C-alpha atoms as a PDB file:
ATOM      1  CA  MET A   1     130.660 -13.351  97.320  1.00  0.00           C
ATOM      2  CA  ILE A   2     128.460 -10.765  95.621  1.00  0.00           C
ATOM      3  CA  ASP A   3     128.747 -10.385  91.846  1.00  0.00           C
ATOM      4  CA  VAL A   4     129.263  -6.779  90.763  1.00  0.00           C
ATOM      5  CA  LYS A   5     126.552  -7.369  88.129  1.00  0.00           C
ATOM      6  CA  THR A   6     123.876  -7.712  90.809  1.00  0.00           C
ATOM      7  CA  ILE A   7     124.272  -4.314  92.552  1.00  0.00           C
ATOM      8  CA  SER A   8     121.607  -1.596  92.512  1.00  0.00           C
ATOM      9  CA  ILE A   9     121.883   1.937  93.907  1.00  0.00           C
ATOM     10  CA  LEU A  10     119.228   3.977  95.705  1.00  0.00           C
ATOM     11  CA  TYR A  11     119.890   7.635  96.488  1.00  0.00           C
ATOM     12  CA  ASN A  12     117.996  10.331  98.354  1.00  0.00           C
ATOM     13  CA  ALA A  13     117.148  12.992  95.783  1.00  0.00           C
ATOM     14  CA  HIS A  14     116.687  15.605  98.527  1.00  0.00           C
ATOM     15  CA  ILE A  15     120.394  15.469  99.437  1.00  0.00           C
ATOM     16  CA  PRO A  16     122.450  17.495  96.902  1.00  0.00           C
ATOM     17  CA  GLN A  17     125.559  15.302  97.003  1.00  0.00           C
ATOM     18  CA  ALA A  18     123.621  12.044  96.697  1.00  0.00           C
ATOM     19  CA  TYR A  19     123.104  11.991  92.907  1.00  0.00           C
ATOM     20  CA  PRO A  20     126.730  12.859  91.982  1.00  0.00           C
ATOM     21  CA  LEU A  21     127.939  10.182  94.403  1.00  0.00           C
ATOM     22  CA  ALA A  22     125.489   7.662  92.926  1.00  0.00           C
ATOM     23  CA  GLN A  23     126.915   8.363  89.461  1.00  0.00           C
ATOM     24  CA  GLU A  24     130.474   8.034  90.785  1.00  0.00           C
ATOM     25  CA  ILE A  25     129.743   4.647  92.353  1.00  0.00           C
ATOM     26  CA  ALA A  26     127.873   3.489  89.245  1.00  0.00           C
ATOM     27  CA  ALA A  27     130.831   4.422  87.036  1.00  0.00           C
ATOM     28  CA  TRP A  28     133.191   2.518  89.350  1.00  0.00           C
ATOM     29  CA  ILE A  29     131.001  -0.579  89.199  1.00  0.00           C
ATOM     30  CA  GLU A  30     130.690  -0.245  85.409  1.00  0.00           C
ATOM     31  CA  GLN A  31     134.446  -0.730  85.079  1.00  0.00           C
ATOM     32  CA  ASN A  32     133.943  -4.365  86.108  1.00  0.00           C
ATOM     33  CA  GLY A  33     130.501  -5.109  84.701  1.00  0.00           C
ATOM     34  CA  PRO A  34     127.277  -3.580  83.394  1.00  0.00           C
ATOM     35  CA  ARG A  35     126.141  -0.229  84.714  1.00  0.00           C
ATOM     36  CA  PRO A  36     123.982  -0.767  87.791  1.00  0.00           C
ATOM     37  CA  ARG A  37     120.397   0.375  88.082  1.00  0.00           C
ATOM     38  CA  VAL A  38     120.305   3.807  89.783  1.00  0.00           C
ATOM     39  CA  CYS A  39     117.095   5.301  91.163  1.00  0.00           C
ATOM     40  CA  THR A  40     115.776   7.447  93.984  1.00  0.00           C
ATOM     41  CA  THR A  41     114.476   6.144  97.292  1.00  0.00           C
ATOM     42  CA  SER A  42     111.024   7.440  96.393  1.00  0.00           C
ATOM     43  CA  ASP A  43     111.033   5.278  93.225  1.00  0.00           C
ATOM     44  CA  ALA A  44     111.645   2.048  95.133  1.00  0.00           C
ATOM     45  CA  PRO A  45     110.410  -0.646  95.171  1.00  0.00           C
ATOM     46  CA  ASP A  46     109.037  -0.528  91.618  1.00  0.00           C
ATOM     47  CA  ALA A  47     112.247   0.693  89.991  1.00  0.00           C
ATOM     48  CA  ILE A  48     114.395  -2.194  91.267  1.00  0.00           C
ATOM     49  CA  CYS A  49     114.549  -5.661  89.748  1.00  0.00           C
ATOM     50  CA  TRP A  50     114.643  -7.499  93.061  1.00  0.00           C
ATOM     51  CA  GLN A  51     115.066 -10.954  91.547  1.00  0.00           C
ATOM     52  CA  GLU A  52     118.402  -9.853  90.071  1.00  0.00           C
ATOM     53  CA  THR A  53     119.633  -7.544  92.847  1.00  0.00           C
ATOM     54  CA  ARG A  54     121.936  -9.167  95.401  1.00  0.00           C
ATOM     55  CA  LEU A  55     123.160  -5.946  97.025  1.00  0.00           C
ATOM     56  CA  LEU A  56     121.419  -2.612  97.442  1.00  0.00           C
ATOM     57  CA  VAL A  57     123.659   0.413  98.042  1.00  0.00           C
ATOM     58  CA  THR A  58     121.802   3.318  99.658  1.00  0.00           C
ATOM     59  CA  LEU A  59     123.010   6.918  99.696  1.00  0.00           C
ATOM     60  CA  GLY A  60     121.326   9.011 102.372  1.00  0.00           C
ATOM     61  CA  GLY A  61     120.587   8.914 106.060  1.00  0.00           C
ATOM     62  CA  ASP A  62     118.700   6.504 108.279  1.00  0.00           C
ATOM     63  CA  GLY A  63     115.391   7.586 106.746  1.00  0.00           C
ATOM     64  CA  SER A  64     116.590   6.423 103.340  1.00  0.00           C
ATOM     65  CA  ILE A  65     117.625   3.082 104.800  1.00  0.00           C
ATOM     66  CA  LEU A  66     114.268   2.642 106.521  1.00  0.00           C
ATOM     67  CA  ARG A  67     112.466   3.057 103.188  1.00  0.00           C
ATOM     68  CA  ALA A  68     114.955   0.792 101.438  1.00  0.00           C
ATOM     69  CA  ALA A  69     114.692  -1.879 104.139  1.00  0.00           C
ATOM     70  CA  ARG A  70     110.912  -2.061 103.879  1.00  0.00           C
ATOM     71  CA  ALA A  71     111.208  -2.554 100.120  1.00  0.00           C
ATOM     72  CA  ALA A  72     114.105  -5.037 100.231  1.00  0.00           C
ATOM     73  CA  ALA A  73     113.066  -7.205 103.184  1.00  0.00           C
ATOM     74  CA  PRO A  74     110.545  -9.410 101.334  1.00  0.00           C
ATOM     75  CA  TYR A  75     113.311 -10.392  98.898  1.00  0.00           C
ATOM     76  CA  GLY A  76     116.078 -10.886 101.475  1.00  0.00           C
ATOM     77  CA  THR A  77     118.270  -8.333  99.701  1.00  0.00           C
ATOM     78  CA  PRO A  78     121.115  -7.018 101.896  1.00  0.00           C
ATOM     79  CA  ILE A  79     121.699  -3.281 102.179  1.00  0.00           C
ATOM     80  CA  LEU A  80     124.985  -1.389 102.258  1.00  0.00           C
ATOM     81  CA  GLY A  81     124.349   2.120 103.547  1.00  0.00           C
ATOM     82  CA  VAL A  82     126.567   5.121 102.772  1.00  0.00           C
ATOM     83  CA  ASN A  83     125.896   7.879 105.290  1.00  0.00           C
ATOM     84  CA  LEU A  84     124.856  11.246 103.865  1.00  0.00           C
ATOM     85  CA  GLY A  85     122.562  12.059 106.785  1.00  0.00           C
ATOM     86  CA  ARG A  86     122.930  13.585 110.231  1.00  0.00           C
ATOM     87  CA  VAL A  87     123.218  10.495 112.440  1.00  0.00           C
ATOM     88  CA  GLY A  88     123.605   7.324 110.413  1.00  0.00           C
ATOM     89  CA  PHE A  89     122.962   4.605 112.992  1.00  0.00           C
ATOM     90  CA  LEU A  90     122.181   2.079 110.259  1.00  0.00           C
ATOM     91  CA  THR A  91     124.756   3.028 107.646  1.00  0.00           C
ATOM     92  CA  GLU A  92     128.049   1.220 107.143  1.00  0.00           C
ATOM     93  CA  ALA A  93     130.301   3.696 105.321  1.00  0.00           C
ATOM     94  CA  GLU A  94     131.036   7.403 105.278  1.00  0.00           C
ATOM     95  CA  PRO A  95     131.134   9.137 101.854  1.00  0.00           C
ATOM     96  CA  GLY A  96     134.931   9.052 101.610  1.00  0.00           C
ATOM     97  CA  MET A  97     135.123   5.352 102.485  1.00  0.00           C
ATOM     98  CA  TRP A  98     132.577   3.822 100.110  1.00  0.00           C
ATOM     99  CA  GLU A  99     135.126   2.336  97.683  1.00  0.00           C
ATOM    100  CA  GLU A 100     137.113   0.593 100.420  1.00  0.00           C
ATOM    101  CA  VAL A 101     133.983  -0.831 101.998  1.00  0.00           C
ATOM    102  CA  LEU A 102     132.452  -1.900  98.686  1.00  0.00           C
ATOM    103  CA  ARG A 103     135.673  -3.652  97.670  1.00  0.00           C
ATOM    104  CA  LYS A 104     135.571  -5.680 100.884  1.00  0.00           C
ATOM    105  CA  VAL A 105     131.964  -6.673 100.287  1.00  0.00           C
ATOM    106  CA  LEU A 106     132.675  -7.738  96.711  1.00  0.00           C
ATOM    107  CA  SER A 107     135.655  -9.823  97.870  1.00  0.00           C
ATOM    108  CA  GLY A 108     133.530 -11.598 100.473  1.00  0.00           C
ATOM    109  CA  GLU A 109     134.982  -9.817 103.521  1.00  0.00           C
ATOM    110  CA  TYR A 110     131.627  -9.072 105.095  1.00  0.00           C
ATOM    111  CA  TRP A 111     128.909 -10.563 107.270  1.00  0.00           C
ATOM    112  CA  ILE A 112     125.135 -10.248 107.208  1.00  0.00           C
ATOM    113  CA  GLU A 113     123.325  -8.659 110.119  1.00  0.00           C
ATOM    114  CA  GLU A 114     119.611  -9.431 110.400  1.00  0.00           C
ATOM    115  CA  ARG A 115     117.239  -7.118 112.265  1.00  0.00           C
ATOM    116  CA  MET A 116     113.657  -7.881 113.182  1.00  0.00           C
ATOM    117  CA  MET A 117     110.803  -5.871 111.749  1.00  0.00           C
ATOM    118  CA  LEU A 118     107.198  -5.267 112.751  1.00  0.00           C
ATOM    119  CA  GLN A 119     104.010  -5.719 110.803  1.00  0.00           C
ATOM    120  CA  VAL A 120     101.031  -3.513 111.561  1.00  0.00           C
ATOM    121  CA  ALA A 121      97.375  -3.637 110.576  1.00  0.00           C
ATOM    122  CA  VAL A 122      94.731  -0.956 111.187  1.00  0.00           C
ATOM    123  CA  ARG A 123      91.166  -2.179 111.703  1.00  0.00           C
ATOM    124  CA  ARG A 124      87.935  -0.220 111.761  1.00  0.00           C
ATOM    125  CA  GLY A 125      84.677  -2.010 112.377  1.00  0.00           C
ATOM    126  CA  GLY A 126      86.277  -5.380 111.630  1.00  0.00           C
ATOM    127  CA  GLU A 127      87.672  -4.191 108.281  1.00  0.00           C
ATOM    128  CA  VAL A 128      91.416  -3.903 107.644  1.00  0.00           C
ATOM    129  CA  LEU A 129      92.072  -0.349 106.445  1.00  0.00           C
ATOM    130  CA  ARG A 130      95.836  -0.426 106.089  1.00  0.00           C
ATOM    131  CA  GLN A 131      98.800  -2.742 106.474  1.00  0.00           C
ATOM    132  CA  ALA A 132     102.483  -1.881 106.648  1.00  0.00           C
ATOM    133  CA  GLU A 133     105.863  -3.001 107.931  1.00  0.00           C
ATOM    134  CA  ALA A 134     108.333  -1.122 110.113  1.00  0.00           C
ATOM    135  CA  LEU A 135     112.021  -1.442 110.898  1.00  0.00           C
ATOM    136  CA  ASN A 136     112.019   1.236 113.606  1.00  0.00           C
ATOM    137  CA  ASP A 137     108.616   1.777 115.146  1.00  0.00           C
ATOM    138  CA  VAL A 138     104.865   2.138 114.990  1.00  0.00           C
ATOM    139  CA  VAL A 139     103.535   5.216 116.815  1.00  0.00           C
ATOM    140  CA  ALA A 140      99.989   6.194 117.751  1.00  0.00           C
ATOM    141  CA  ALA A 141     100.086   9.788 118.930  1.00  0.00           C
ATOM    142  CA  ARG A 142      98.155  13.025 119.156  1.00  0.00           C
ATOM    143  CA  GLY A 143      97.755  15.135 116.065  1.00  0.00           C
ATOM    144  CA  ALA A 144      98.183  18.891 115.727  1.00  0.00           C
ATOM    145  CA  ARG A 145      96.185  19.615 118.876  1.00  0.00           C
ATOM    146  CA  ALA A 146      98.160  19.626 122.111  1.00  0.00           C
ATOM    147  CA  ARG A 147      95.731  17.271 123.867  1.00  0.00           C
ATOM    148  CA  VAL A 148      96.464  13.857 125.326  1.00  0.00           C
ATOM    149  CA  VAL A 149      94.990  10.751 123.744  1.00  0.00           C
ATOM    150  CA  HIS A 150      93.494   7.699 125.437  1.00  0.00           C
ATOM    151  CA  LEU A 151      94.869   4.377 124.201  1.00  0.00           C
ATOM    152  CA  ARG A 152      94.115   0.917 125.556  1.00  0.00           C
ATOM    153  CA  ALA A 153      96.956  -1.575 125.091  1.00  0.00           C
ATOM    154  CA  GLU A 154      96.478  -5.342 125.118  1.00  0.00           C
ATOM    155  CA  VAL A 155      99.149  -8.035 124.894  1.00  0.00           C
ATOM    156  CA  ASP A 156      98.015 -11.400 123.547  1.00  0.00           C
ATOM    157  CA  GLY A 157      94.403 -10.535 124.338  1.00  0.00           C
ATOM    158  CA  GLY A 158      95.046  -9.487 127.937  1.00  0.00           C
ATOM    159  CA  CYS A 159      94.688  -5.861 129.033  1.00  0.00           C
ATOM    160  CA  LEU A 160      98.037  -4.268 129.838  1.00  0.00           C
ATOM    161  CA  ALA A 161      97.183  -0.616 130.504  1.00  0.00           C
ATOM    162  CA  THR A 162      95.181   2.378 129.408  1.00  0.00           C
ATOM    163  CA  TYR A 163      97.538   5.167 128.458  1.00  0.00           C
ATOM    164  CA  VAL A 164      96.640   8.819 128.830  1.00  0.00           C
ATOM    165  CA  ALA A 165      99.580  10.351 127.026  1.00  0.00           C
ATOM    166  CA  ASP A 166     100.857  12.185 123.989  1.00  0.00           C
ATOM    167  CA  GLY A 167     101.242   8.799 122.349  1.00  0.00           C
ATOM    168  CA  LEU A 168     102.481   5.229 122.499  1.00  0.00           C
ATOM    169  CA  ILE A 169     105.525   3.840 120.674  1.00  0.00           C
ATOM    170  CA  VAL A 170     105.836   0.203 119.646  1.00  0.00           C
ATOM    171  CA  ALA A 171     109.466  -0.278 118.656  1.00  0.00           C
ATOM    172  CA  THR A 172     111.960  -2.893 117.545  1.00  0.00           C
ATOM    173  CA  PRO A 173     115.479  -3.086 119.014  1.00  0.00           C
ATOM    174  CA  THR A 174     116.540  -1.017 115.990  1.00  0.00           C
ATOM    175  CA  GLY A 175     113.916   1.587 116.878  1.00  0.00           C
ATOM    176  CA  SER A 176     115.062   1.669 120.496  1.00  0.00           C
ATOM    177  CA  THR A 177     117.716   4.213 119.468  1.00  0.00           C
ATOM    178  CA  ALA A 178     115.191   6.437 117.661  1.00  0.00           C
ATOM    179  CA  TYR A 179     111.984   8.058 118.982  1.00  0.00           C
ATOM    180  CA  ALA A 180     111.740   5.485 121.770  1.00  0.00           C
ATOM    181  CA  LEU A 181     115.104   6.593 123.152  1.00  0.00           C
ATOM    182  CA  ALA A 182     114.047  10.241 123.102  1.00  0.00           C
ATOM    183  CA  ALA A 183     110.906   9.270 125.039  1.00  0.00           C
ATOM    184  CA  GLY A 184     112.941   7.611 127.795  1.00  0.00           C
ATOM    185  CA  GLY A 185     113.081   4.019 126.589  1.00  0.00           C
ATOM    186  CA  PRO A 186     116.040   1.661 127.012  1.00  0.00           C
ATOM    187  CA  VAL A 187     118.595   0.896 124.301  1.00  0.00           C
ATOM    188  CA  LEU A 188     118.298  -2.685 123.042  1.00  0.00           C
ATOM    189  CA  PRO A 189     121.099  -4.287 121.014  1.00  0.00           C
ATOM    190  CA  PRO A 190     120.015  -5.012 117.439  1.00  0.00           C
ATOM    191  CA  GLN A 191     120.429  -8.784 117.620  1.00  0.00           C
ATOM    192  CA  LEU A 192     117.558  -9.056 120.109  1.00  0.00           C
ATOM    193  CA  ARG A 193     114.062  -9.888 118.886  1.00  0.00           C
ATOM    194  CA  ASN A 194     111.935  -8.058 121.425  1.00  0.00           C
ATOM    195  CA  ILE A 195     109.093  -5.576 121.097  1.00  0.00           C
ATOM    196  CA  LEU A 196     109.376  -2.376 123.113  1.00  0.00           C
ATOM    197  CA  LEU A 197     106.425  -0.318 124.396  1.00  0.00           C
ATOM    198  CA  VAL A 198     107.214   3.273 125.365  1.00  0.00           C
ATOM    199  CA  PRO A 199     104.567   5.853 126.357  1.00  0.00           C
ATOM    200  CA  VAL A 200     105.184   9.455 125.306  1.00  0.00           C
ATOM    201  CA  ALA A 201     104.640  11.992 128.106  1.00  0.00           C
ATOM    202  CA  PRO A 202     102.148   9.833 130.059  1.00  0.00           C
ATOM    203  CA  HIS A 203      99.789  11.563 132.488  1.00  0.00           C
ATOM    204  CA  LEU A 204      98.507   9.663 135.547  1.00  0.00           C
ATOM    205  CA  SER A 205      98.971   6.324 133.765  1.00  0.00           C
ATOM    206  CA  MET A 206     101.619   3.655 133.174  1.00  0.00           C
ATOM    207  CA  GLU A 207     104.861   5.553 132.662  1.00  0.00           C
ATOM    208  CA  ARG A 208     107.497   2.825 132.458  1.00  0.00           C
ATOM    209  CA  PRO A 209     108.677   1.322 129.168  1.00  0.00           C
ATOM    210  CA  ILE A 210     107.995  -2.405 128.829  1.00  0.00           C
ATOM    211  CA  VAL A 211     110.059  -4.966 126.922  1.00  0.00           C
ATOM    212  CA  LEU A 212     107.941  -7.767 125.442  1.00  0.00           C
ATOM    213  CA  SER A 213     108.924 -11.060 123.865  1.00  0.00           C
ATOM    214  CA  GLU A 214     109.064 -11.455 120.097  1.00  0.00           C
ATOM    215  CA  GLY A 215     106.002 -13.629 119.646  1.00  0.00           C
ATOM    216  CA  VAL A 216     103.401 -11.381 121.287  1.00  0.00           C
ATOM    217  CA  ARG A 217     100.614  -9.505 119.570  1.00  0.00           C
ATOM    218  CA  VAL A 218     100.037  -5.920 120.692  1.00  0.00           C
ATOM    219  CA  ARG A 219      96.596  -4.425 120.172  1.00  0.00           C
ATOM    220  CA  ILE A 220      96.122  -0.667 120.627  1.00  0.00           C
ATOM    221  CA  SER A 221      92.558   0.649 120.764  1.00  0.00           C
ATOM    222  CA  VAL A 222      91.584   4.301 120.502  1.00  0.00           C
ATOM    223  CA  ILE A 223      89.087   4.975 123.297  1.00  0.00           C
ATOM    224  CA  SER A 224      88.499   8.708 122.952  1.00  0.00           C
ATOM    225  CA  GLY A 225      87.153  11.001 120.291  1.00  0.00           C
ATOM    226  CA  ARG A 226      90.369  12.979 120.092  1.00  0.00           C
ATOM    227  CA  PRO A 227      92.425  12.751 116.878  1.00  0.00           C
ATOM    228  CA  VAL A 228      95.134  10.094 116.863  1.00  0.00           C
ATOM    229  CA  VAL A 229      97.707   9.890 114.074  1.00  0.00           C
ATOM    230  CA  LEU A 230      99.418   6.619 113.184  1.00  0.00           C
ATOM    231  CA  THR A 231     102.974   6.757 111.853  1.00  0.00           C
ATOM    232  CA  VAL A 232     105.192   3.900 110.683  1.00  0.00           C
ATOM    233  CA  ASP A 233     108.936   4.584 110.675  1.00  0.00           C
ATOM    234  CA  GLY A 234     108.123   8.281 110.961  1.00  0.00           C
ATOM    235  CA  GLU A 235     105.816   8.363 107.938  1.00  0.00           C
ATOM    236  CA  VAL A 236     102.159   9.236 108.499  1.00  0.00           C
ATOM    237  CA  GLN A 237      99.867   6.359 107.556  1.00  0.00           C
ATOM    238  CA  THR A 238      96.391   7.400 108.649  1.00  0.00           C
ATOM    239  CA  GLU A 239      94.297   9.298 111.201  1.00  0.00           C
ATOM    240  CA  LEU A 240      92.612   7.003 113.692  1.00  0.00           C
ATOM    241  CA  GLU A 241      89.096   7.348 115.020  1.00  0.00           C
ATOM    242  CA  SER A 242      87.559   6.274 118.305  1.00  0.00           C
ATOM    243  CA  GLY A 243      87.141   2.502 118.229  1.00  0.00           C
ATOM    244  CA  ASP A 244      89.915   1.897 115.703  1.00  0.00           C
ATOM    245  CA  GLU A 245      92.423  -0.833 116.495  1.00  0.00           C
ATOM    246  CA  VAL A 246      96.108  -1.097 115.640  1.00  0.00           C
ATOM    247  CA  ILE A 247      97.551  -4.624 115.757  1.00  0.00           C
ATOM    248  CA  VAL A 248     101.327  -4.916 115.878  1.00  0.00           C
ATOM    249  CA  GLU A 249     103.447  -8.062 115.893  1.00  0.00           C
ATOM    250  CA  ALA A 250     106.784  -9.335 114.613  1.00  0.00           C
ATOM    251  CA  SER A 251     107.031  -9.446 110.837  1.00  0.00           C
ATOM    252  CA  PRO A 252     108.018 -12.663 109.055  1.00  0.00           C
ATOM    253  CA  HIS A 253     110.575 -10.527 107.188  1.00  0.00           C
ATOM    254  CA  VAL A 254     113.884  -9.219 108.481  1.00  0.00           C
ATOM    255  CA  ALA A 255     116.053  -6.338 107.321  1.00  0.00           C
ATOM    256  CA  ARG A 256     119.476  -7.564 106.176  1.00  0.00           C
ATOM    257  CA  PHE A 257     122.606  -5.397 106.242  1.00  0.00           C
ATOM    258  CA  ALA A 258     126.042  -6.057 104.775  1.00  0.00           C
ATOM    259  CA  ARG A 259     128.631  -5.258 107.466  1.00  0.00           C
ATOM    260  CA  VAL A 260     132.421  -5.028 107.290  1.00  0.00           C
ATOM    261  CA  GLN A 261     132.833  -3.739 110.839  1.00  0.00           C
ATOM    262  CA  GLU A 262     133.438  -6.068 113.774  1.00  0.00           C
ATOM    263  CA  ARG A 263     130.349  -7.799 115.115  1.00  0.00           C
ATOM    264  CA  ASN A 264     130.408  -5.706 118.318  1.00  0.00           C
ATOM    265  CA  TYR A 265     130.339  -2.458 116.341  1.00  0.00           C
ATOM    266  CA  PHE A 266     126.963  -1.386 117.762  1.00  0.00           C
ATOM    267  CA  TYR A 267     128.227  -0.109 121.108  1.00  0.00           C
ATOM    268  CA  LYS A 268     131.050   1.892 119.550  1.00  0.00           C
ATOM    269  CA  THR A 269     128.644   3.376 117.020  1.00  0.00           C
ATOM    270  CA  LEU A 270     126.176   4.233 119.770  1.00  0.00           C
ATOM    271  CA  LEU A 271     128.754   6.350 121.588  1.00  0.00           C
ATOM    272  CA  GLN A 272     130.039   7.957 118.398  1.00  0.00           C
ATOM    273  CA  ARG A 273     126.561   8.970 117.297  1.00  0.00           C
ATOM    274  CA  LEU A 274     125.132  10.150 120.620  1.00  0.00           C
ATOM    275  CA  VAL A 275     127.864  11.439 122.934  1.00  0.00           C
ATOM    276  CA  PRO A 276     129.351  14.127 120.624  1.00  0.00           C
ATOM    277  CA  ARG A 277     125.888  15.582 120.100  1.00  0.00           C
ATOM    278  CA  ASN A 278     125.267  15.670 123.832  1.00  0.00           C
ATOM    279  CA  GLN A 279     128.556  17.533 124.283  1.00  0.00           C
ATOM    280  CA  ASP A 280     127.662  19.991 121.521  1.00  0.00           C
END
């Protein structure tokens, strides 16, 4: 069971209803213990005492959870997401249901779902320029100019393909329902530990998505002088130059989520989130 004293709250300051809801939840928790630490998603990870936090409640959409997951993963802290966004694939509760769901978690009526993450390193001339972790995906793609980029992909040191495309997505099973899905990739259930490669608008090059095993190392090399932008979970990291390398592999960390739904919830959620929008 999770002690009410060990809960922290992260809210997305760009969503108007997030702060009032954070205060409402904090006041509810305070009835049974000390007032929890409340801060914005942009303040994490520095504003959270991770050694004392045993549950992180996030108020926002999937973007908020992605930022929270990257901060919480090294500490093994589970996340309980309250959906204030548009889709909410990763969240567990709707705004009107937070108290019911939180009560179940505090009484031990929950299970922990673990999702694999990726770690990425950018190298230039043998020097590591940047390192990051991703829950959804790592994307090397064209910048503002509408010109294809040339990317060489290797798997465990062996050449896989040279992509002439708008970009290349390296995704987790979690990320298979994000940009990778929009680019024509398959949906992978979250309990898998595979790495997914999906080209974006390929031209006269490998066009099929490829599912790789967990333990592989993917190396992407920029082989043209055209601008390439690297994003991690949708956030721009750096602009790549010709000769730069991006190395992606499974992270030693996992994102942990507190769930009260049944363990087969994913397929029901998939239909609820996608089909109504297709009908609209």
